[in-house]
Amino acid sequence: MEESEKLPKGVVHSTRVKAGKRTYFIDVRQTRQSDHYITLTESTKKTNGDKSFYVRNKVLLYKEDFQKLLDGLKNTIDYIENELEGGENNADTVSSNADVDVDFDMEFEELGKD
């Protein structure tokens, strides 16, 4: 992971994650009302003949949803690691545990408030 020194307009913090052919940008942005949210951007370089271009996909994450998203992500990662890659791979079974409480040891600090 790399933290960017030159930040685009409206970005108060940025982390770049290189992952093979993809690069992820995790940016903290500030609204006009001084509220903060995260943009998660996936950037992939594509080529078409002799021309290169980037395809970007972006998701906005609002702070009131942070914990719910973390719980869902943790639940999904656990499912992949324990059920699919742990020897119980059954492609005919679809499981959804979206309403299960997940114990996740991550906290968010209040940004922009000193």
Protein backbone atom coordinates (compact mmCIF):
# COMPACT_ATOMS: atom_id res chain seq x y z
CA MET A 1 0.00 0.00 0.00
CA GLU A 2 1.19 3.45 -0.81
CA GLU A 3 -0.06 6.78 0.46
CA SER A 4 -0.26 9.52 -2.13
CA GLU A 5 1.43 12.87 -1.57
CA LYS A 6 -0.38 14.81 -4.33
CA LEU A 7 -4.08 14.60 -3.66
CA PRO A 8 -6.87 15.34 -6.13
CA LYS A 9 -9.32 18.11 -5.30
CA GLY A 10 -11.66 17.18 -2.46
CA VAL A 11 -9.49 14.27 -1.27
CA VAL A 12 -8.11 14.58 2.27
CA HIS A 13 -6.34 11.21 2.38
CA SER A 14 -5.53 8.57 -0.23
CA THR A 15 -4.08 5.07 -0.20
CA ARG A 16 -3.04 3.25 -3.38
CA VAL A 17 -3.02 -0.56 -3.42
CA LYS A 18 -1.35 -2.30 -6.38
CA ALA A 19 -2.73 -5.78 -6.99
CA GLY A 20 -1.35 -7.32 -10.19
CA LYS A 21 -3.04 -5.74 -13.21
CA ARG A 22 -5.36 -3.71 -11.00
CA THR A 23 -4.76 -0.70 -8.80
CA TYR A 24 -7.16 0.29 -6.05
CA PHE A 25 -7.47 3.82 -4.70
CA ILE A 26 -9.05 4.25 -1.28
CA ASP A 27 -9.78 7.95 -0.87
CA VAL A 28 -11.26 9.88 2.03
CA ARG A 29 -13.24 12.81 0.65
CA GLN A 30 -14.89 15.76 2.33
CA THR A 31 -18.28 17.24 1.47
CA ARG A 32 -19.06 20.96 1.52
CA GLN A 33 -20.66 20.38 4.94
CA SER A 34 -17.33 18.93 6.22
CA ASP A 35 -18.70 15.38 6.36
CA HIS A 36 -16.43 12.55 5.22
CA TYR A 37 -16.93 9.50 3.03
CA ILE A 38 -14.76 6.96 1.21
CA THR A 39 -14.45 6.33 -2.50
CA LEU A 40 -13.08 2.95 -3.51
CA THR A 41 -11.83 2.99 -7.10
CA GLU A 42 -10.59 0.04 -9.13
CA SER A 43 -8.40 1.04 -12.08
CA THR A 44 -7.37 -1.47 -14.74
CA LYS A 45 -5.16 -0.73 -17.75
CA LYS A 46 -6.55 -2.08 -21.03
CA THR A 47 -5.08 -2.10 -24.50
CA ASN A 48 -6.82 -2.04 -27.84
CA GLY A 49 -4.30 -2.48 -30.61
CA ASP A 50 -1.70 0.21 -30.11
CA LYS A 51 -3.88 2.30 -27.76
CA SER A 52 -3.88 1.99 -23.98
CA PHE A 53 -6.58 3.27 -21.66
CA TYR A 54 -7.80 2.82 -18.10
CA VAL A 55 -11.16 1.43 -17.04
CA ARG A 56 -12.28 2.72 -13.64
CA ASN A 57 -15.03 1.44 -11.39
CA LYS A 58 -15.98 3.46 -8.32
CA VAL A 59 -18.02 2.80 -5.19
CA LEU A 60 -18.95 5.47 -2.64
CA LEU A 61 -19.01 4.38 1.01
CA TYR A 62 -20.86 6.64 3.44
CA LYS A 63 -19.76 6.72 7.06
CA GLU A 64 -23.15 5.66 8.45
CA ASP A 65 -22.71 2.39 6.50
CA PHE A 66 -19.05 1.65 7.39
CA GLN A 67 -19.71 -0.93 10.11
CA LYS A 68 -22.45 -2.73 8.16
CA LEU A 69 -20.18 -2.95 5.11
CA LEU A 70 -17.28 -4.22 7.22
CA ASP A 71 -19.52 -6.86 8.79
CA GLY A 72 -20.74 -7.99 5.37
CA LEU A 73 -17.22 -8.04 3.92
CA LYS A 74 -15.88 -10.02 6.91
CA ASN A 75 -18.78 -12.47 6.60
CA THR A 76 -18.11 -12.93 2.87
CA ILE A 77 -14.36 -13.40 3.32
CA ASP A 78 -14.97 -15.92 6.10
CA TYR A 79 -17.37 -17.83 3.82
CA ILE A 80 -14.80 -18.02 1.02
CA GLU A 81 -11.96 -19.04 3.35
CA ASN A 82 -13.95 -21.53 5.45
CA GLU A 83 -16.59 -22.95 3.13
CA LEU A 84 -15.24 -22.69 -0.41
CA GLU A 85 -11.51 -23.05 0.10
CA GLY A 86 -11.72 -25.08 3.30
CA GLY A 87 -12.71 -28.30 1.55
CA GLU A 88 -16.48 -27.90 1.65
CA ASN A 89 -16.79 -26.44 -1.85
CA ASN A 90 -20.30 -27.19 -3.05
CA ALA A 91 -21.17 -25.17 -6.17
CA ASP A 92 -24.85 -26.21 -5.94
CA THR A 93 -25.30 -24.51 -2.56
CA VAL A 94 -25.97 -20.81 -2.24
CA SER A 95 -25.63 -19.38 1.23
CA SER A 96 -26.53 -15.95 2.53
CA ASN A 97 -25.76 -14.92 6.09
CA ALA A 98 -26.32 -11.20 5.61
CA ASP A 99 -28.21 -10.86 8.90
CA VAL A 100 -25.68 -12.69 11.07
CA ASP A 101 -23.85 -10.62 13.69
CA VAL A 102 -20.11 -10.63 13.06
CA ASP A 103 -17.44 -9.81 15.65
CA PHE A 104 -14.96 -7.59 13.81
CA ASP A 105 -12.18 -5.77 15.66
CA MET A 106 -11.93 -2.59 13.59
CA GLU A 107 -12.90 0.90 14.63
CA PHE A 108 -13.17 4.16 12.71
CA GLU A 109 -11.91 7.41 14.09
CA GLU A 110 -13.81 10.64 13.60
CA LEU A 111 -12.15 12.51 10.76
CA GLY A 112 -11.83 16.26 10.64
CA LYS A 113 -12.73 16.82 14.29
CA ASP A 114 -9.89 17.95 16.52
